[in-house]
């Protein structure tokens, strides 16, 4: 990896391989940019049961689970961590608002809650 790209890799938690469907691909690019810039994301989200909601989140990382990509984020609506499937996100957009560096709402805090001792350094 070129030296100038190493900081980007450290700042953008991204786990697993490609390829992607068209919607997930566009959303993954947006998610990566939001994580890197610490910008809030707003999108419509359709749950598995068909119900829809509008979400504003603090994106923390993208994860691949064998068949689908998900966004791990702190959700302002639920005031907690949530995972969102990228293929169920609609009309996603970056907001101008930058979310604060809050240790209680970080990727490290999420892993700690899940009982994993996963160093991110």
Foldseek 3Di string as FASTA:
>chain_A
DDPVCVVLPLQAAEDDDDDDDPQLVVLVVVLSVCSNQQFWKWWWFADPVGDIDIWIWRWAYWYDDPHFIWTWTQTPVVRGTDIGTSVRTHPMDTDPDHDDPDVCGHPCVVCVVVVHPDDSD
